[in-house]
Amino acid sequence: ARPQAEALLARREAETAERLAVMQARLDGAVEGREAELSRELAAVTLELETMRGGLSHARRRMIEMEAEVEALRAAAR
């Protein structure tokens, strides 16, 4: 009875190890997929941020120019 029990235990251990390996492979694939998705999202958000920063910088320069124009018009009107 003992050799049969040991053989059964060994088979179950092997099956469990195989299932664990399959689950680990699935998990690794899911993690890699999620990392790739997050990397793409980060790249898109970073590009959007840089675009907004450029627009904001342009708007600030234009605002300074317009303030200077208003001051020049006020000075000319005096």
N, C-alpha and C. Protein backbone atom coordinates (compact mmCIF):
# COMPACT_ATOMS: atom_id res chain seq x y z
N ALA A 1 0.82 -1.20 0.00
CA ALA A 1 0.00 0.00 0.00
C ALA A 1 0.87 1.26 0.00
N ARG A 2 1.97 1.19 0.71
CA ARG A 2 2.83 2.38 0.80
C ARG A 2 3.42 2.76 -0.56
N PRO A 3 3.93 1.80 -1.35
CA PRO A 3 4.46 2.17 -2.67
C PRO A 3 3.39 2.79 -3.57
N GLN A 4 2.16 2.29 -3.47
CA GLN A 4 1.07 2.85 -4.27
C GLN A 4 0.76 4.28 -3.83
N ALA A 5 0.74 4.48 -2.55
CA ALA A 5 0.47 5.82 -2.00
C ALA A 5 1.58 6.79 -2.40
N GLU A 6 2.81 6.32 -2.35
CA GLU A 6 3.93 7.18 -2.76
C GLU A 6 3.87 7.50 -4.24
N ALA A 7 3.50 6.51 -5.05
CA ALA A 7 3.37 6.73 -6.49
C ALA A 7 2.25 7.73 -6.78
N LEU A 8 1.13 7.58 -6.09
CA LEU A 8 0.01 8.50 -6.26
C LEU A 8 0.43 9.91 -5.84
N LEU A 9 1.11 10.01 -4.72
CA LEU A 9 1.58 11.30 -4.25
C LEU A 9 2.55 11.93 -5.25
N ALA A 10 3.43 11.16 -5.81
CA ALA A 10 4.39 11.66 -6.79
C ALA A 10 3.66 12.15 -8.04
N ARG A 11 2.64 11.40 -8.50
CA ARG A 11 1.85 11.83 -9.66
C ARG A 11 1.14 13.14 -9.38
N ARG A 12 0.54 13.24 -8.21
CA ARG A 12 -0.18 14.46 -7.86
C ARG A 12 0.78 15.65 -7.73
N GLU A 13 1.94 15.41 -7.17
CA GLU A 13 2.93 16.47 -7.10
C GLU A 13 3.34 16.93 -8.49
N ALA A 14 3.54 15.98 -9.40
CA ALA A 14 3.91 16.32 -10.78
C ALA A 14 2.79 17.09 -11.46
N GLU A 15 1.55 16.65 -11.27
CA GLU A 15 0.41 17.36 -11.87
C GLU A 15 0.29 18.77 -11.29
N THR A 16 0.48 18.89 -10.00
CA THR A 16 0.40 20.20 -9.35
C THR A 16 1.51 21.12 -9.86
N ALA A 17 2.71 20.56 -10.00
CA ALA A 17 3.82 21.36 -10.52
C ALA A 17 3.55 21.80 -11.95
N GLU A 18 2.96 20.92 -12.75
CA GLU A 18 2.63 21.28 -14.14
C GLU A 18 1.56 22.37 -14.18
N ARG A 19 0.53 22.23 -13.37
CA ARG A 19 -0.52 23.28 -13.32
C ARG A 19 0.06 24.60 -12.86
N LEU A 20 0.93 24.52 -11.87
CA LEU A 20 1.57 25.74 -11.38
C LEU A 20 2.40 26.40 -12.48
N ALA A 21 3.12 25.63 -13.25
CA ALA A 21 3.92 26.17 -14.34
C ALA A 21 3.04 26.83 -15.40
N VAL A 22 1.91 26.21 -15.70
CA VAL A 22 0.97 26.78 -16.68
C VAL A 22 0.40 28.09 -16.14
N MET A 23 0.02 28.11 -14.88
CA MET A 23 -0.54 29.32 -14.28
C MET A 23 0.51 30.42 -14.22
N GLN A 24 1.75 30.06 -13.92
CA GLN A 24 2.83 31.05 -13.87
C GLN A 24 3.07 31.64 -15.25
N ALA A 25 3.03 30.80 -16.28
CA ALA A 25 3.22 31.28 -17.65
C ALA A 25 2.10 32.24 -18.03
N ARG A 26 0.86 31.91 -17.66
CA ARG A 26 -0.27 32.81 -17.94
C ARG A 26 -0.10 34.14 -17.22
N LEU A 27 0.28 34.05 -15.96
CA LEU A 27 0.47 35.25 -15.16
C LEU A 27 1.59 36.11 -15.76
N ASP A 28 2.69 35.49 -16.12
CA ASP A 28 3.79 36.23 -16.74
C ASP A 28 3.34 36.93 -18.02
N GLY A 29 2.55 36.22 -18.83
CA GLY A 29 2.04 36.81 -20.06
C GLY A 29 1.12 37.99 -19.78
N ALA A 30 0.27 37.83 -18.77
CA ALA A 30 -0.66 38.92 -18.42
C ALA A 30 0.11 40.13 -17.91
N VAL A 31 1.13 39.89 -17.10
CA VAL A 31 1.93 41.00 -16.56
C VAL A 31 2.66 41.71 -17.70
N GLU A 32 3.27 40.93 -18.60
CA GLU A 32 3.97 41.54 -19.73
C GLU A 32 3.01 42.36 -20.60
N GLY A 33 1.81 41.82 -20.83
CA GLY A 33 0.82 42.56 -21.62
C GLY A 33 0.42 43.85 -20.94
N ARG A 34 0.19 43.79 -19.65
CA ARG A 34 -0.20 44.99 -18.90
C ARG A 34 0.92 46.02 -18.88
N GLU A 35 2.16 45.54 -18.70
CA GLU A 35 3.30 46.46 -18.72
C GLU A 35 3.42 47.15 -20.08
N ALA A 36 3.22 46.40 -21.15
CA ALA A 36 3.29 46.99 -22.48
C ALA A 36 2.18 48.02 -22.67
N GLU A 37 0.98 47.70 -22.20
CA GLU A 37 -0.15 48.63 -22.30
C GLU A 37 0.14 49.91 -21.50
N LEU A 38 0.65 49.75 -20.29
CA LEU A 38 0.96 50.93 -19.47
C LEU A 38 2.09 51.75 -20.08
N SER A 39 3.05 51.09 -20.69
CA SER A 39 4.15 51.82 -21.35
C SER A 39 3.61 52.65 -22.52
N ARG A 40 2.70 52.06 -23.29
CA ARG A 40 2.09 52.81 -24.41
C ARG A 40 1.30 54.00 -23.89
N GLU A 41 0.52 53.78 -22.84
CA GLU A 41 -0.27 54.87 -22.26
C GLU A 41 0.64 55.97 -21.72
N LEU A 42 1.72 55.59 -21.06
CA LEU A 42 2.66 56.57 -20.53
C LEU A 42 3.29 57.38 -21.65
N ALA A 43 3.66 56.71 -22.73
CA ALA A 43 4.25 57.43 -23.86
C ALA A 43 3.26 58.42 -24.45
N ALA A 44 2.00 58.02 -24.57
CA ALA A 44 0.98 58.91 -25.12
C ALA A 44 0.75 60.11 -24.20
N VAL A 45 0.67 59.87 -22.91
CA VAL A 45 0.44 60.95 -21.95
C VAL A 45 1.64 61.89 -21.91
N THR A 46 2.85 61.32 -21.99
CA THR A 46 4.05 62.14 -22.01
C THR A 46 4.08 63.04 -23.23
N LEU A 47 3.72 62.50 -24.39
CA LEU A 47 3.66 63.30 -25.61
C LEU A 47 2.62 64.40 -25.48
N GLU A 48 1.47 64.06 -24.93
CA GLU A 48 0.41 65.06 -24.73
C GLU A 48 0.88 66.16 -23.78
N LEU A 49 1.57 65.77 -22.73
CA LEU A 49 2.10 66.74 -21.77
C LEU A 49 3.10 67.68 -22.43
N GLU A 50 4.01 67.14 -23.22
CA GLU A 50 5.00 67.97 -23.90
C GLU A 50 4.32 68.92 -24.89
N THR A 51 3.30 68.44 -25.55
CA THR A 51 2.55 69.30 -26.48
C THR A 51 1.87 70.44 -25.73
N MET A 52 1.27 70.11 -24.58
CA MET A 52 0.61 71.15 -23.77
C MET A 52 1.63 72.15 -23.24
N ARG A 53 2.77 71.65 -22.82
CA ARG A 53 3.80 72.57 -22.32
C ARG A 53 4.25 73.52 -23.42
N GLY A 54 4.40 73.01 -24.63
CA GLY A 54 4.77 73.87 -25.75
C GLY A 54 3.71 74.93 -26.01
N GLY A 55 2.44 74.50 -25.98
CA GLY A 55 1.35 75.44 -26.18
C GLY A 55 1.29 76.49 -25.09
N LEU A 56 1.49 76.06 -23.86
CA LEU A 56 1.48 76.98 -22.74
C LEU A 56 2.63 77.98 -22.84
N SER A 57 3.79 77.51 -23.23
CA SER A 57 4.93 78.40 -23.39
C SER A 57 4.66 79.44 -24.47
N HIS A 58 4.07 78.99 -25.57
CA HIS A 58 3.72 79.91 -26.65
C HIS A 58 2.70 80.94 -26.16
N ALA A 59 1.69 80.47 -25.42
CA ALA A 59 0.66 81.38 -24.91
C ALA A 59 1.26 82.41 -23.95
N ARG A 60 2.20 81.98 -23.11
CA ARG A 60 2.85 82.93 -22.20
C ARG A 60 3.62 84.00 -22.97
N ARG A 61 4.37 83.56 -23.99
CA ARG A 61 5.12 84.54 -24.79
C ARG A 61 4.17 85.53 -25.48
N ARG A 62 3.08 85.01 -26.00
CA ARG A 62 2.11 85.88 -26.69
C ARG A 62 1.47 86.84 -25.69
N MET A 63 1.18 86.37 -24.48
CA MET A 63 0.60 87.23 -23.46
C MET A 63 1.55 88.37 -23.11
N ILE A 64 2.83 88.06 -22.97
CA ILE A 64 3.82 89.10 -22.67
C ILE A 64 3.89 90.12 -23.80
N GLU A 65 3.84 89.62 -25.04
CA GLU A 65 3.86 90.52 -26.19
C GLU A 65 2.64 91.44 -26.17
N MET A 66 1.48 90.86 -25.90
CA MET A 66 0.25 91.66 -25.90
C MET A 66 0.24 92.68 -24.76
N GLU A 67 0.77 92.26 -23.58
CA GLU A 67 0.86 93.22 -22.48
C GLU A 67 1.76 94.39 -22.85
N ALA A 68 2.85 94.09 -23.56
CA ALA A 68 3.76 95.15 -23.99
C ALA A 68 3.06 96.07 -24.99
N GLU A 69 2.28 95.48 -25.89
CA GLU A 69 1.54 96.29 -26.87
C GLU A 69 0.53 97.20 -26.16
N VAL A 70 -0.18 96.66 -25.16
CA VAL A 70 -1.16 97.46 -24.42
C VAL A 70 -0.46 98.60 -23.69
N GLU A 71 0.66 98.32 -23.08
CA GLU A 71 1.42 99.36 -22.39
C GLU A 71 1.90 100.43 -23.37
N ALA A 72 2.33 99.99 -24.54
CA ALA A 72 2.79 100.97 -25.55
C ALA A 72 1.62 101.83 -25.99
N LEU A 73 0.45 101.25 -26.17
CA LEU A 73 -0.73 102.04 -26.57
C LEU A 73 -1.14 102.99 -25.47
N ARG A 74 -1.07 102.55 -24.21
CA ARG A 74 -1.40 103.44 -23.09
C ARG A 74 -0.41 104.60 -23.02
N ALA A 75 0.84 104.30 -23.21
CA ALA A 75 1.88 105.34 -23.15
C ALA A 75 1.68 106.33 -24.29
N ALA A 76 1.31 105.84 -25.46
CA ALA A 76 1.10 106.74 -26.61
C ALA A 76 -0.14 107.60 -26.42
N ALA A 77 -1.13 107.08 -25.70
CA ALA A 77 -2.38 107.83 -25.48
C ALA A 77 -2.20 108.93 -24.44
N ARG A 78 -1.17 108.87 -23.64
CA ARG A 78 -0.98 109.87 -22.58
C ARG A 78 -0.46 111.11 -23.11
